[in-house]
N, C-alpha and C. Protein backbone atom coordinates (compact mmCIF):
# COMPACT_ATOMS: atom_id res chain seq x y z
N MET A 1 -24.52 -2.66 -13.87
CA MET A 1 -24.58 -2.57 -12.47
C MET A 1 -23.63 -3.70 -11.90
N PHE A 2 -23.36 -4.76 -12.79
CA PHE A 2 -22.39 -5.59 -12.02
C PHE A 2 -21.13 -4.76 -11.87
N GLY A 3 -20.76 -4.03 -12.77
CA GLY A 3 -19.41 -3.30 -12.68
C GLY A 3 -19.37 -2.24 -11.49
N VAL A 4 -20.75 -1.62 -11.31
CA VAL A 4 -20.76 -0.86 -10.09
C VAL A 4 -20.53 -1.52 -8.74
N ALA A 5 -21.11 -2.86 -8.80
CA ALA A 5 -20.76 -3.62 -7.55
C ALA A 5 -19.38 -3.77 -7.36
N THR A 6 -18.84 -4.14 -8.37
CA THR A 6 -17.50 -4.52 -8.27
C THR A 6 -16.77 -3.50 -8.07
N ILE A 7 -16.87 -2.27 -8.50
CA ILE A 7 -16.25 -1.02 -8.02
C ILE A 7 -16.24 -0.84 -6.33
N ILE A 8 -17.47 -0.94 -6.07
CA ILE A 8 -17.89 -0.70 -4.60
C ILE A 8 -17.20 -1.67 -3.58
N ALA A 9 -17.31 -3.07 -3.86
CA ALA A 9 -16.71 -4.05 -3.30
C ALA A 9 -15.11 -3.91 -3.34
N LEU A 10 -14.58 -3.44 -4.36
CA LEU A 10 -13.13 -3.24 -4.44
C LEU A 10 -12.79 -2.05 -3.29
N GLY A 11 -13.66 -0.97 -3.38
CA GLY A 11 -13.62 0.15 -2.38
C GLY A 11 -13.66 -0.24 -0.87
N PHE A 12 -14.56 -1.32 -0.75
CA PHE A 12 -14.39 -1.97 0.89
C PHE A 12 -13.28 -2.83 1.07
N VAL A 13 -12.76 -3.35 0.25
CA VAL A 13 -11.35 -4.04 0.40
C VAL A 13 -10.40 -3.27 0.61
N ILE A 14 -10.31 -2.13 -0.03
CA ILE A 14 -9.30 -1.14 0.11
C ILE A 14 -9.33 -0.49 1.41
N LEU A 15 -10.54 -0.17 1.81
CA LEU A 15 -10.81 0.71 3.00
C LEU A 15 -10.43 -0.17 4.21
N THR A 16 -11.01 -1.39 4.01
CA THR A 16 -10.65 -2.54 5.27
C THR A 16 -9.16 -2.42 5.33
N ARG A 17 -8.32 -2.81 4.29
CA ARG A 17 -6.97 -2.63 4.56
C ARG A 17 -6.41 -1.50 5.19
N GLY A 18 -6.94 -0.41 4.95
CA GLY A 18 -6.53 0.94 5.41
C GLY A 18 -6.93 1.33 6.89
N GLN A 19 -8.04 0.54 7.50
CA GLN A 19 -8.11 0.62 8.80
C GLN A 19 -7.69 -0.55 9.71
N LYS A 20 -6.99 -1.44 9.18
CA LYS A 20 -6.23 -2.63 9.92
C LYS A 20 -5.61 -1.89 11.25
N GLN A 21 -5.29 -2.77 12.08
CA GLN A 21 -4.34 -2.33 13.10
C GLN A 21 -3.14 -3.26 12.82
N LYS A 22 -2.20 -2.73 13.51
CA LYS A 22 -0.58 -3.20 13.26
C LYS A 22 -0.58 -4.85 13.46
N HIS A 23 -1.24 -5.44 14.44
CA HIS A 23 -1.37 -6.63 14.56
C HIS A 23 -2.15 -7.49 13.98
N ASP A 24 -2.97 -6.79 12.84
CA ASP A 24 -3.66 -7.39 11.97
C ASP A 24 -3.05 -7.97 10.52
N PHE A 25 -1.74 -7.36 10.37
CA PHE A 25 -0.88 -7.56 9.25
C PHE A 25 0.17 -8.89 9.73
N ASP A 26 0.64 -9.37 8.36
CA ASP A 26 1.59 -10.32 8.62
C ASP A 26 2.82 -9.48 8.87
N SER A 27 3.95 -10.14 9.73
CA SER A 27 5.15 -9.62 10.17
C SER A 27 6.17 -10.43 9.97
N ILE A 28 7.56 -9.62 9.90
CA ILE A 28 8.50 -10.51 9.88
C ILE A 28 9.59 -9.47 10.76
N THR A 29 10.28 -10.36 11.38
CA THR A 29 11.26 -9.57 12.50
C THR A 29 12.94 -10.42 12.00
N ALA A 30 13.53 -9.34 11.32
CA ALA A 30 14.74 -9.88 10.91
C ALA A 30 15.82 -8.72 10.56
N ARG A 31 17.00 -9.17 10.10
CA ARG A 31 18.09 -8.12 10.06
C ARG A 31 17.77 -7.40 8.68
N ILE A 32 18.25 -6.33 8.65
CA ILE A 32 18.21 -5.95 6.92
C ILE A 32 19.20 -5.81 6.41
N ILE A 33 19.16 -6.76 5.08
CA ILE A 33 20.08 -7.18 4.23
C ILE A 33 20.62 -6.12 3.16
N SER A 34 19.53 -5.43 2.78
CA SER A 34 19.98 -4.10 2.03
C SER A 34 18.97 -3.13 2.11
N ILE A 35 19.27 -1.82 2.13
CA ILE A 35 18.66 -0.66 1.90
C ILE A 35 19.05 0.29 1.15
N GLY A 36 18.16 1.09 0.29
CA GLY A 36 18.69 2.12 -0.59
C GLY A 36 17.43 2.48 -1.36
N ARG A 37 17.98 3.37 -2.46
CA ARG A 37 16.94 4.13 -3.28
C ARG A 37 16.69 3.32 -4.60
N SER A 38 17.32 2.39 -4.85
CA SER A 38 17.02 1.33 -5.90
C SER A 38 17.31 0.02 -5.74
N PHE A 39 16.78 -0.96 -6.40
CA PHE A 39 17.10 -2.42 -6.10
C PHE A 39 16.93 -3.03 -7.69
N PRO A 40 17.80 -3.88 -7.92
CA PRO A 40 17.92 -4.48 -9.26
C PRO A 40 16.54 -5.38 -9.59
N GLY A 41 16.08 -5.05 -10.70
CA GLY A 41 14.78 -5.59 -11.17
C GLY A 41 13.54 -4.91 -10.84
N ALA A 42 13.71 -3.69 -9.99
CA ALA A 42 12.50 -2.94 -9.54
C ALA A 42 12.48 -1.84 -10.43
N PHE A 43 11.12 -1.57 -11.02
CA PHE A 43 11.05 -0.22 -11.83
C PHE A 43 10.67 0.90 -10.84
N ASN A 44 11.58 1.89 -10.95
CA ASN A 44 11.48 3.17 -9.99
C ASN A 44 11.26 4.32 -10.53
N ARG A 45 10.17 4.83 -10.58
CA ARG A 45 9.63 6.25 -11.23
C ARG A 45 10.48 7.46 -10.25
N HIS A 46 10.39 7.19 -9.06
CA HIS A 46 10.81 8.41 -8.19
C HIS A 46 11.94 7.97 -7.33
N GLU A 47 13.27 7.91 -7.85
CA GLU A 47 14.18 7.43 -6.79
C GLU A 47 14.26 8.37 -5.68
N GLU A 48 14.18 9.46 -5.78
CA GLU A 48 14.38 10.38 -4.47
C GLU A 48 13.18 10.26 -3.30
N LYS A 49 12.38 9.84 -3.94
CA LYS A 49 11.03 9.29 -3.19
C LYS A 49 10.84 7.97 -2.60
N THR A 50 11.64 6.95 -3.07
CA THR A 50 11.47 5.63 -2.67
C THR A 50 12.57 5.11 -2.22
N ARG A 51 12.26 3.99 -1.17
CA ARG A 51 13.23 3.21 -0.65
C ARG A 51 13.00 1.79 -0.79
N TYR A 52 14.05 0.96 -0.85
CA TYR A 52 13.86 -0.26 -0.97
C TYR A 52 14.61 -0.98 0.33
N VAL A 53 13.78 -2.08 0.99
CA VAL A 53 14.37 -2.54 2.20
C VAL A 53 14.11 -4.06 1.93
N GLN A 54 15.21 -4.71 2.20
CA GLN A 54 15.63 -6.27 1.99
C GLN A 54 15.76 -6.60 3.30
N VAL A 55 14.77 -7.71 3.87
CA VAL A 55 15.11 -8.07 5.30
C VAL A 55 15.01 -9.54 5.51
N GLY A 56 15.93 -10.24 6.23
CA GLY A 56 16.19 -11.73 6.34
C GLY A 56 15.85 -12.47 5.27
N ASN A 57 15.13 -13.48 5.40
CA ASN A 57 14.77 -14.42 4.52
C ASN A 57 13.36 -14.23 3.56
N TYR A 58 12.95 -13.06 3.63
CA TYR A 58 11.70 -12.88 2.96
C TYR A 58 12.01 -12.58 1.51
N PRO A 59 11.32 -13.38 0.52
CA PRO A 59 11.50 -13.45 -0.85
C PRO A 59 11.58 -12.23 -1.56
N LYS A 60 10.76 -11.17 -1.19
CA LYS A 60 10.63 -9.88 -1.88
C LYS A 60 11.27 -8.80 -1.15
N VAL A 61 11.51 -7.76 -1.83
CA VAL A 61 12.15 -6.39 -1.13
C VAL A 61 10.81 -5.40 -1.09
N PHE A 62 10.97 -4.93 0.10
CA PHE A 62 9.63 -3.68 0.41
C PHE A 62 10.17 -2.72 -0.40
N GLU A 63 9.08 -2.05 -1.04
CA GLU A 63 9.32 -0.63 -1.63
C GLU A 63 8.46 0.11 -0.89
N LEU A 64 9.16 1.24 -0.41
CA LEU A 64 8.41 2.21 0.51
C LEU A 64 8.28 3.53 -0.31
N PHE A 65 7.29 4.23 -0.42
CA PHE A 65 7.00 5.31 -0.94
C PHE A 65 7.31 6.49 0.35
N ILE A 66 8.02 7.49 0.01
CA ILE A 66 8.39 8.38 1.05
C ILE A 66 8.18 9.70 0.80
N GLY A 67 7.61 10.10 -0.22
CA GLY A 67 7.47 11.31 -0.92
C GLY A 67 6.65 12.50 0.32
N HIS A 68 7.14 13.36 0.01
CA HIS A 68 6.38 14.63 0.99
C HIS A 68 6.10 15.90 0.01
N ASP A 69 5.91 15.87 -1.11
CA ASP A 69 5.69 16.94 -1.97
C ASP A 69 4.17 17.03 -1.99
N PRO A 70 3.76 18.31 -2.07
CA PRO A 70 2.32 18.43 -2.18
C PRO A 70 1.46 17.45 -3.32
N GLY A 71 0.74 16.63 -2.98
CA GLY A 71 -0.03 15.90 -3.91
C GLY A 71 0.39 14.42 -3.54
N ASP A 72 1.35 14.15 -3.14
CA ASP A 72 1.94 13.00 -2.80
C ASP A 72 1.13 12.07 -1.73
N PHE A 73 1.08 11.19 -1.56
CA PHE A 73 0.34 10.35 -0.57
C PHE A 73 1.49 9.86 0.52
N SER A 74 1.75 10.69 1.19
CA SER A 74 3.09 10.52 2.36
C SER A 74 2.68 9.77 3.36
N PRO A 75 3.82 9.00 3.86
CA PRO A 75 3.61 8.15 5.01
C PRO A 75 3.07 8.97 6.12
N ALA A 76 2.39 8.54 7.19
CA ALA A 76 2.12 9.37 8.18
C ALA A 76 3.28 9.61 9.04
N PHE A 77 4.41 8.92 9.00
CA PHE A 77 5.74 8.85 9.71
C PHE A 77 6.77 8.19 9.05
N GLU A 78 7.99 8.64 8.78
CA GLU A 78 8.97 7.89 8.27
C GLU A 78 10.45 8.49 8.75
N LYS A 79 11.17 7.34 9.32
CA LYS A 79 12.58 7.78 9.62
C LYS A 79 13.57 6.77 8.78
N ILE A 80 13.17 6.27 7.63
CA ILE A 80 13.80 5.13 7.06
C ILE A 80 15.31 5.33 6.71
N ASP A 81 15.57 6.66 6.36
CA ASP A 81 17.10 6.84 6.32
C ASP A 81 17.87 6.84 7.66
N ASP A 82 17.23 6.65 8.58
CA ASP A 82 17.95 6.36 9.81
C ASP A 82 18.24 5.05 10.15
N LEU A 83 17.65 4.15 9.36
CA LEU A 83 18.00 2.82 9.39
C LEU A 83 19.30 2.44 8.57
N LYS A 84 19.88 1.39 8.72
CA LYS A 84 21.01 0.81 7.94
C LYS A 84 21.37 -0.72 7.88
N THR A 85 21.92 -1.13 7.00
CA THR A 85 21.98 -2.50 6.82
C THR A 85 22.73 -3.22 8.05
N GLY A 86 22.00 -4.36 8.56
CA GLY A 86 22.26 -5.06 9.80
C GLY A 86 21.41 -4.71 10.97
N ASP A 87 20.58 -3.64 10.85
CA ASP A 87 19.77 -3.23 11.68
C ASP A 87 18.59 -4.44 11.88
N ILE A 88 18.15 -4.74 13.17
CA ILE A 88 17.15 -5.82 13.15
C ILE A 88 15.70 -4.98 13.44
N VAL A 89 14.93 -5.24 12.34
CA VAL A 89 13.57 -4.39 12.29
C VAL A 89 12.45 -5.41 12.39
N THR A 90 11.39 -5.01 12.22
CA THR A 90 10.00 -5.66 12.38
C THR A 90 9.16 -5.17 11.13
N VAL A 91 8.75 -5.57 10.18
CA VAL A 91 8.15 -5.18 9.11
C VAL A 91 6.77 -5.93 9.05
N TYR A 92 5.70 -4.99 9.18
CA TYR A 92 4.42 -5.20 9.01
C TYR A 92 3.85 -5.17 7.74
N TYR A 93 3.21 -5.93 7.12
CA TYR A 93 3.00 -5.82 5.74
C TYR A 93 1.52 -6.82 5.36
N ASP A 94 1.05 -6.42 4.22
CA ASP A 94 0.14 -7.30 3.64
C ASP A 94 0.49 -8.24 2.48
N GLU A 95 0.59 -9.35 2.58
CA GLU A 95 0.91 -10.52 1.63
C GLU A 95 -0.26 -10.86 0.94
N GLU A 96 -1.56 -10.83 1.44
CA GLU A 96 -2.60 -11.41 0.77
C GLU A 96 -2.93 -10.85 -0.50
N HIS A 97 -2.60 -9.58 -0.68
CA HIS A 97 -2.86 -8.78 -2.25
C HIS A 97 -1.72 -9.02 -3.16
N THR A 98 -0.58 -9.26 -2.60
CA THR A 98 0.51 -9.66 -3.46
C THR A 98 0.95 -10.88 -4.17
N ARG A 99 -0.13 -12.11 -3.77
CA ARG A 99 -0.04 -13.18 -4.10
C ARG A 99 -0.36 -13.66 -5.70
N ALA A 100 -1.26 -12.75 -6.08
CA ALA A 100 -1.57 -12.80 -7.45
C ALA A 100 -0.42 -12.57 -8.35
N ALA A 101 0.47 -11.58 -7.67
CA ALA A 101 1.63 -11.50 -8.54
C ALA A 101 2.81 -12.02 -7.88
N ASP A 102 2.81 -13.32 -7.89
CA ASP A 102 3.99 -14.09 -7.00
C ASP A 102 5.51 -13.88 -8.05
N ASN A 103 5.31 -13.41 -9.19
CA ASN A 103 6.59 -13.44 -9.80
C ASN A 103 7.32 -12.18 -9.73
N GLU A 104 6.64 -11.12 -9.02
CA GLU A 104 6.84 -10.07 -8.83
C GLU A 104 8.27 -9.99 -7.54
N THR A 105 8.86 -9.29 -7.80
CA THR A 105 10.06 -9.23 -6.73
C THR A 105 9.89 -8.08 -5.71
N VAL A 106 8.75 -7.39 -5.65
CA VAL A 106 8.70 -6.34 -4.89
C VAL A 106 7.22 -6.39 -4.25
N ASN A 107 7.34 -6.14 -2.79
CA ASN A 107 6.24 -5.89 -2.08
C ASN A 107 5.92 -4.56 -1.73
N ARG A 108 4.81 -3.95 -2.27
CA ARG A 108 4.39 -2.48 -2.05
C ARG A 108 3.48 -2.15 -0.94
N LEU A 109 3.47 -3.30 -0.07
CA LEU A 109 2.14 -2.97 0.80
C LEU A 109 2.63 -3.29 2.31
N ALA A 110 4.11 -2.62 2.55
CA ALA A 110 4.56 -2.44 3.71
C ALA A 110 3.65 -1.40 4.50
N GLN A 111 3.15 -1.63 5.72
CA GLN A 111 2.47 -0.78 6.39
C GLN A 111 3.32 0.13 7.57
N PHE A 112 4.02 -0.76 8.19
CA PHE A 112 4.78 -0.30 9.37
C PHE A 112 6.15 -0.98 9.38
N ILE A 113 7.16 -0.09 9.92
CA ILE A 113 8.46 -0.76 10.27
C ILE A 113 9.03 -0.20 11.41
N ASP A 114 9.22 -1.05 12.43
CA ASP A 114 9.69 -1.00 13.68
C ASP A 114 11.25 -1.38 13.98
N LYS A 115 11.62 -0.67 14.90
CA LYS A 115 13.16 -1.07 15.06
C LYS A 115 13.22 -0.88 16.46
N ASP A 116 13.58 -1.90 17.45
CA ASP A 116 13.42 -1.80 19.21
C ASP A 116 12.14 -1.12 19.67
N GLY A 117 10.90 -1.80 18.86
CA GLY A 117 9.92 -1.21 19.24
C GLY A 117 9.41 0.31 19.05
N LYS A 118 10.39 1.10 18.41
CA LYS A 118 9.88 2.24 18.03
C LYS A 118 9.70 2.52 16.44
N PRO A 119 8.73 3.27 16.12
CA PRO A 119 8.15 3.22 14.65
C PRO A 119 9.33 3.85 14.09
N TYR A 120 9.66 3.45 12.79
CA TYR A 120 10.54 4.00 11.66
C TYR A 120 9.68 4.42 10.27
N PHE A 121 8.60 3.65 10.03
CA PHE A 121 7.72 3.92 9.03
C PHE A 121 6.14 3.58 9.32
N ILE A 122 5.27 4.35 9.17
CA ILE A 122 3.89 4.28 9.40
C ILE A 122 3.22 4.66 7.98
N ARG A 123 2.59 3.88 7.32
CA ARG A 123 1.95 4.34 5.98
C ARG A 123 0.90 5.39 6.31
N GLY A 124 0.77 6.12 5.35
CA GLY A 124 -0.44 7.03 5.32
C GLY A 124 -1.68 6.78 5.21
N ASN A 125 -2.53 7.58 4.75
CA ASN A 125 -3.88 7.31 4.70
C ASN A 125 -4.41 6.79 3.12
N LYS A 126 -3.49 6.65 2.46
CA LYS A 126 -3.88 6.38 0.99
C LYS A 126 -4.84 5.48 0.73
N ASP A 127 -4.88 4.11 1.52
CA ASP A 127 -5.97 3.32 1.33
C ASP A 127 -7.12 3.68 1.83
N LYS A 128 -7.31 4.58 2.86
CA LYS A 128 -8.48 4.86 3.26
C LYS A 128 -8.92 6.15 2.34
N TYR A 129 -8.17 6.77 1.62
CA TYR A 129 -8.78 7.72 0.76
C TYR A 129 -9.32 6.91 -0.47
N GLY A 130 -8.46 5.90 -1.21
CA GLY A 130 -8.82 5.08 -2.04
C GLY A 130 -10.09 4.34 -1.96
N GLY A 131 -10.08 3.96 -0.93
CA GLY A 131 -11.50 3.07 -0.54
C GLY A 131 -12.65 3.94 -0.63
N TYR A 132 -12.64 4.90 0.21
CA TYR A 132 -13.68 5.98 -0.05
C TYR A 132 -14.19 6.59 -1.07
N GLY A 133 -13.02 6.78 -2.01
CA GLY A 133 -13.12 7.47 -3.50
C GLY A 133 -13.84 6.49 -4.30
N ALA A 134 -13.25 5.04 -4.23
CA ALA A 134 -13.92 4.01 -4.94
C ALA A 134 -15.16 3.88 -4.67
N ILE A 135 -15.67 3.59 -3.61
CA ILE A 135 -17.06 3.57 -2.94
C ILE A 135 -17.97 4.51 -3.58
N GLY A 136 -17.48 5.91 -3.30
CA GLY A 136 -18.31 6.93 -3.71
C GLY A 136 -18.52 7.00 -5.40
N ALA A 137 -17.34 6.75 -6.10
CA ALA A 137 -17.37 6.68 -7.57
C ALA A 137 -18.42 5.66 -7.98
N GLY A 138 -18.53 4.52 -7.13
CA GLY A 138 -19.39 3.57 -7.56
C GLY A 138 -20.78 3.75 -7.31
N ILE A 139 -21.01 4.33 -6.36
CA ILE A 139 -22.49 4.77 -5.97
C ILE A 139 -22.85 5.85 -7.10
N LEU A 140 -21.83 6.89 -7.13
CA LEU A 140 -22.36 7.90 -8.32
C LEU A 140 -22.49 7.58 -9.70
N ILE A 141 -21.84 6.50 -9.99
CA ILE A 141 -22.00 5.74 -11.26
C ILE A 141 -23.30 4.94 -11.37
N GLY A 142 -23.43 4.20 -10.28
CA GLY A 142 -24.72 3.45 -10.06
C GLY A 142 -25.86 4.42 -10.19
N LEU A 143 -26.14 5.34 -9.66
CA LEU A 143 -27.20 6.25 -9.21
C LEU A 143 -27.21 7.03 -10.92
N THR A 144 -26.25 7.40 -11.46
CA THR A 144 -26.28 7.84 -12.97
C THR A 144 -26.80 6.74 -13.83
N LEU A 145 -26.58 5.54 -13.79
CA LEU A 145 -27.04 4.56 -14.55
C LEU A 145 -28.47 4.35 -14.31
N LEU A 146 -28.85 4.77 -13.01
CA LEU A 146 -30.55 4.46 -12.70
C LEU A 146 -31.25 5.50 -13.43
N VAL A 147 -30.59 6.85 -12.91
CA VAL A 147 -31.47 7.85 -13.94
C VAL A 147 -31.35 7.98 -15.40
N LEU A 148 -30.49 7.45 -15.86
CA LEU A 148 -30.48 7.20 -17.26
C LEU A 148 -31.30 6.23 -17.78
N LYS A 149 -31.35 5.24 -16.99
CA LYS A 149 -32.52 4.02 -17.37
C LYS A 149 -33.90 4.63 -17.19
N LYS A 150 -34.16 5.36 -16.25
CA LYS A 150 -35.36 5.76 -16.02
C LYS A 150 -35.91 6.79 -16.93
N LYS A 151 -35.10 7.51 -17.52
CA LYS A 151 -35.31 8.50 -18.71
C LYS A 151 -35.30 7.89 -19.91
N GLY A 152 -34.94 6.59 -20.00
CA GLY A 152 -35.22 5.98 -21.32
C GLY A 152 -33.64 6.21 -22.15
N THR A 153 -32.69 6.84 -21.68
CA THR A 153 -31.71 7.35 -22.34
C THR A 153 -30.88 6.12 -22.70
N ILE A 154 -30.65 5.11 -21.72
CA ILE A 154 -30.09 3.73 -22.01
C ILE A 154 -31.12 2.51 -21.87
N ASP A 155 -30.63 1.34 -22.18
CA ASP A 155 -31.62 0.11 -22.04
C ASP A 155 -30.97 -0.54 -21.02
């Protein structure tokens, strides 16, 4: 049951991040240093669906998934390819969950990117779906364990 509680708690953490508003995230406003489909040292499985944006003196590069194929967790909105090196943008991101991997050179938790007050990237509902899925799976596993224990199938 400890594992079930852990799964449900993780689901709530992911769901909470998925429901945050723009002002609830860390942000940086700076000039784009580099932007492209690849970045040295970053593992990229889907070059055509990924963009890397490095801004100002932020120590990591932001990895953005922009796939629009069926089954992709697409962003709600994106015009990343309209941005170019030298543009001044504001990136809203989650730093809290990347601290455990400080040796990582990539931050995959950019939520919004704005230029001149206009959106160029809005992350999709992946976190909401993941949170609800983890909570549902935890509840289902917990109920299954309780039924099996009541039947005497497990101790």
